[in-house]
C-alpha atoms as a PDB file:
ATOM      1  CA  MET A   1     -15.410  33.911-155.970  1.00  0.00           C
ATOM      2  CA  GLN A   2     -15.550  34.755-152.261  1.00  0.00           C
ATOM      3  CA  VAL A   3     -14.048  32.226-149.867  1.00  0.00           C
ATOM      4  CA  ARG A   4     -15.487  32.071-146.374  1.00  0.00           C
ATOM      5  CA  PRO A   5     -14.047  30.346-143.329  1.00  0.00           C
ATOM      6  CA  PRO A   6     -15.886  27.270-142.032  1.00  0.00           C
ATOM      7  CA  PRO A   7     -18.643  28.027-139.509  1.00  0.00           C
ATOM      8  CA  ARG A   8     -17.511  28.148-135.896  1.00  0.00           C
ATOM      9  CA  LYS A   9     -18.668  25.226-133.768  1.00  0.00           C
ATOM     10  CA  SER A  10     -18.847  25.158-130.007  1.00  0.00           C
ATOM     11  CA  GLU A  11     -16.474  22.719-128.380  1.00  0.00           C
ATOM     12  CA  ARG A  12     -18.488  22.336-125.197  1.00  0.00           C
ATOM     13  CA  SER A  13     -20.618  19.267-124.770  1.00  0.00           C
ATOM     14  CA  HIS A  14     -24.337  19.583-125.349  1.00  0.00           C
ATOM     15  CA  VAL A  15     -27.052  17.489-123.796  1.00  0.00           C
ATOM     16  CA  ASN A  16     -30.156  16.781-125.814  1.00  0.00           C
ATOM     17  CA  ILE A  17     -33.222  17.094-123.602  1.00  0.00           C
ATOM     18  CA  ASP A  18     -36.682  16.295-124.891  1.00  0.00           C
ATOM     19  CA  TYR A  19     -38.396  19.456-123.633  1.00  0.00           C
ATOM     20  CA  THR A  20     -41.722  18.474-125.180  1.00  0.00           C
ATOM     21  CA  SER A  21     -41.906  15.322-123.067  1.00  0.00           C
ATOM     22  CA  LEU A  22     -40.597  17.183-120.048  1.00  0.00           C
ATOM     23  CA  ASN A  23     -43.299  19.842-120.458  1.00  0.00           C
ATOM     24  CA  LEU A  24     -45.892  17.079-120.559  1.00  0.00           C
ATOM     25  CA  GLY A  25     -44.604  15.769-117.228  1.00  0.00           C
ATOM     26  CA  ASP A  26     -42.632  12.788-118.522  1.00  0.00           C
ATOM     27  CA  THR A  27     -39.442  12.670-116.482  1.00  0.00           C
ATOM     28  CA  THR A  28     -38.672   8.992-117.105  1.00  0.00           C
ATOM     29  CA  ASN A  29     -36.025   9.810-119.696  1.00  0.00           C
ATOM     30  CA  ILE A  30     -34.299  12.502-117.639  1.00  0.00           C
ATOM     31  CA  LEU A  31     -31.320  11.068-115.803  1.00  0.00           C
ATOM     32  CA  PRO A  32     -29.415  12.991-113.089  1.00  0.00           C
ATOM     33  CA  ASP A  33     -26.285  13.126-115.238  1.00  0.00           C
ATOM     34  CA  GLN A  34     -28.089  14.515-118.292  1.00  0.00           C
ATOM     35  CA  HIS A  35     -27.967  18.171-117.333  1.00  0.00           C
ATOM     36  CA  ALA A  36     -24.844  20.019-116.303  1.00  0.00           C
ATOM     37  CA  TYR A  37     -26.470  21.733-113.313  1.00  0.00           C
ATOM     38  CA  ASN A  38     -27.912  18.566-111.735  1.00  0.00           C
ATOM     39  CA  ALA A  39     -24.493  17.735-110.324  1.00  0.00           C
ATOM     40  CA  PHE A  40     -24.635  20.874-108.184  1.00  0.00           C
ATOM     41  CA  PHE A  41     -27.680  19.635-106.283  1.00  0.00           C
ATOM     42  CA  GLU A  42     -27.111  15.887-106.100  1.00  0.00           C
ATOM     43  CA  GLY A  43     -24.361  13.554-105.004  1.00  0.00           C
ATOM     44  CA  ASP A  44     -22.186  13.484-101.894  1.00  0.00           C
ATOM     45  CA  MET A  45     -21.873  17.256-101.464  1.00  0.00           C
ATOM     46  CA  PRO A  46     -25.001  18.939-102.860  1.00  0.00           C
ATOM     47  CA  ARG A  47     -25.090  22.718-102.903  1.00  0.00           C
ATOM     48  CA  LYS A  48     -27.727  24.455-100.843  1.00  0.00           C
ATOM     49  CA  PHE A  49     -29.648  27.562-101.747  1.00  0.00           C
ATOM     50  CA  ALA A  50     -28.964  30.620 -99.627  1.00  0.00           C
ATOM     51  CA  PRO A  51     -31.883  31.462 -97.369  1.00  0.00           C
ATOM     52  CA  ASP A  52     -34.210  34.050 -98.856  1.00  0.00           C
ATOM     53  CA  ARG A  53     -35.265  37.232 -97.094  1.00  0.00           C
ATOM     54  CA  PHE A  54     -38.863  37.232 -98.282  1.00  0.00           C
ATOM     55  CA  THR A  55     -41.653  38.091 -95.901  1.00  0.00           C
ATOM     56  CA  ARG A  56     -43.512  35.096 -94.476  1.00  0.00           C
ATOM     57  CA  LEU A  57     -47.215  35.626 -93.878  1.00  0.00           C
ATOM     58  CA  LYS A  58     -50.099  33.560 -92.622  1.00  0.00           C
ATOM     59  CA  GLY A  59     -52.936  33.232 -95.111  1.00  0.00           C
ATOM     60  CA  HIS A  60     -55.301  35.529 -93.241  1.00  0.00           C
ATOM     61  CA  GLU A  61     -52.589  38.246 -93.049  1.00  0.00           C
ATOM     62  CA  LEU A  62     -52.384  38.611 -96.836  1.00  0.00           C
ATOM     63  CA  THR A  63     -55.036  41.240 -97.404  1.00  0.00           C
ATOM     64  CA  LYS A  64     -55.626  44.085 -99.823  1.00  0.00           C
ATOM     65  CA  GLU A  65     -54.754  46.541 -97.057  1.00  0.00           C
ATOM     66  CA  TRP A  66     -51.452  44.756 -96.359  1.00  0.00           C
ATOM     67  CA  ALA A  67     -50.561  44.754-100.067  1.00  0.00           C
ATOM     68  CA  GLU A  68     -51.385  48.457-100.412  1.00  0.00           C
ATOM     69  CA  SER A  69     -49.332  49.399 -97.361  1.00  0.00           C
ATOM     70  CA  LYS A  70     -46.268  47.344 -98.352  1.00  0.00           C
ATOM     71  CA  GLY A  71     -46.381  47.968-102.097  1.00  0.00           C
ATOM     72  CA  CYS A  72     -45.842  44.317-103.108  1.00  0.00           C
ATOM     73  CA  ASN A  73     -42.369  44.968-104.515  1.00  0.00           C
ATOM     74  CA  GLU A  74     -41.101  41.465-103.812  1.00  0.00           C
ATOM     75  CA  PRO A  75     -42.559  37.980-103.461  1.00  0.00           C
ATOM     76  CA  VAL A  76     -44.342  36.913-100.303  1.00  0.00           C
ATOM     77  CA  VAL A  77     -44.034  33.371 -99.010  1.00  0.00           C
ATOM     78  CA  ILE A  78     -46.995  31.657 -97.394  1.00  0.00           C
ATOM     79  CA  PRO A  79     -45.758  28.322 -96.038  1.00  0.00           C
ATOM     80  CA  LYS A  80     -48.015  25.360 -96.704  1.00  0.00           C
ATOM     81  CA  GLU A  81     -48.934  25.029 -93.040  1.00  0.00           C
ATOM     82  CA  TRP A  82     -49.999  28.717 -92.883  1.00  0.00           C
ATOM     83  CA  VAL A  83     -52.461  28.808 -95.799  1.00  0.00           C
ATOM     84  CA  GLU A  84     -55.571  28.868 -93.604  1.00  0.00           C
ATOM     85  CA  GLY A  85     -57.482  32.047 -94.197  1.00  0.00           C
ATOM     86  CA  LEU A  86     -56.566  32.488 -97.855  1.00  0.00           C
ATOM     87  CA  GLY A  87     -60.009  31.367 -98.898  1.00  0.00           C
ATOM     88  CA  MET A  88     -58.571  29.172-101.628  1.00  0.00           C
ATOM     89  CA  VAL A  89     -59.544  25.527-101.449  1.00  0.00           C
ATOM     90  CA  MET A  90     -58.875  22.916-104.096  1.00  0.00           C
ATOM     91  CA  PRO A  91     -61.997  20.766-104.468  1.00  0.00           C
ATOM     92  CA  LYS A  92     -61.152  17.155-103.674  1.00  0.00           C
ATOM     93  CA  ASP A  93     -63.280  15.860-106.560  1.00  0.00           C
ATOM     94  CA  LEU A  94     -61.787  18.172-109.229  1.00  0.00           C
ATOM     95  CA  THR A  95     -60.546  16.282-112.264  1.00  0.00           C
ATOM     96  CA  VAL A  96     -59.051  17.237-115.612  1.00  0.00           C
ATOM     97  CA  LYS A  97     -62.310  16.138-117.252  1.00  0.00           C
ATOM     98  CA  LYS A  98     -64.341  18.511-115.040  1.00  0.00           C
ATOM     99  CA  VAL A  99     -62.024  21.418-115.851  1.00  0.00           C
ATOM    100  CA  ALA A 100     -62.342  20.630-119.570  1.00  0.00           C
ATOM    101  CA  GLU A 101     -66.128  20.640-119.244  1.00  0.00           C
ATOM    102  CA  LEU A 102     -66.043  24.002-117.438  1.00  0.00           C
ATOM    103  CA  VAL A 103     -63.662  25.884-119.756  1.00  0.00           C
ATOM    104  CA  GLY A 104     -64.261  23.976-122.991  1.00  0.00           C
ATOM    105  CA  GLU A 105     -62.252  21.073-124.332  1.00  0.00           C
ATOM    106  CA  ASP A 106     -60.436  23.207-126.929  1.00  0.00           C
ATOM    107  CA  THR A 107     -59.170  25.753-124.368  1.00  0.00           C
ATOM    108  CA  LYS A 108     -55.500  25.487-123.404  1.00  0.00           C
ATOM    109  CA  VAL A 109     -55.025  25.683-119.649  1.00  0.00           C
ATOM    110  CA  GLU A 110     -51.692  26.146-117.881  1.00  0.00           C
ATOM    111  CA  VAL A 111     -51.554  24.587-114.453  1.00  0.00           C
ATOM    112  CA  ILE A 112     -48.896  24.264-111.777  1.00  0.00           C
ATOM    113  CA  GLY A 113     -48.603  20.938-110.041  1.00  0.00           C
ATOM    114  CA  ASN A 114     -45.808  18.970-108.402  1.00  0.00           C
ATOM    115  CA  SER A 115     -43.363  21.820-108.920  1.00  0.00           C
ATOM    116  CA  ARG A 116     -43.742  21.968-112.684  1.00  0.00           C
ATOM    117  CA  ILE A 117     -45.895  23.804-115.156  1.00  0.00           C
ATOM    118  CA  VAL A 118     -48.014  21.549-117.323  1.00  0.00           C
ATOM    119  CA  ARG A 119     -50.041  22.634-120.324  1.00  0.00           C
ATOM    120  CA  VAL A 120     -53.320  20.762-120.538  1.00  0.00           C
ATOM    121  CA  SER A 121     -54.933  20.901-123.952  1.00  0.00           C
END
């Protein structure tokens, strides 16, 4: 008979996060003290991100010619107030129901809104 040692268990604390609810946009059960990294960005002395060195462009400056000349090897930032000229406008009357009618109600659609990715199905 072979004797094995007991399985190794981590001694660090673990936080149970309901990722399914979080993915659906439900943040009501997420408290600031529930994730180890939240403390870095909240409280009396929050940490700040270092400034990035990405190129800032106005919407009309982001063209095929610009992309071909620069190579697009890193992200480009277009600040919210500089989006004019991109040619992308979100229709004010667009609803989830209209999207479902356009793509089919059984089609899964990933969207980005309010700084989170939400899967609409």
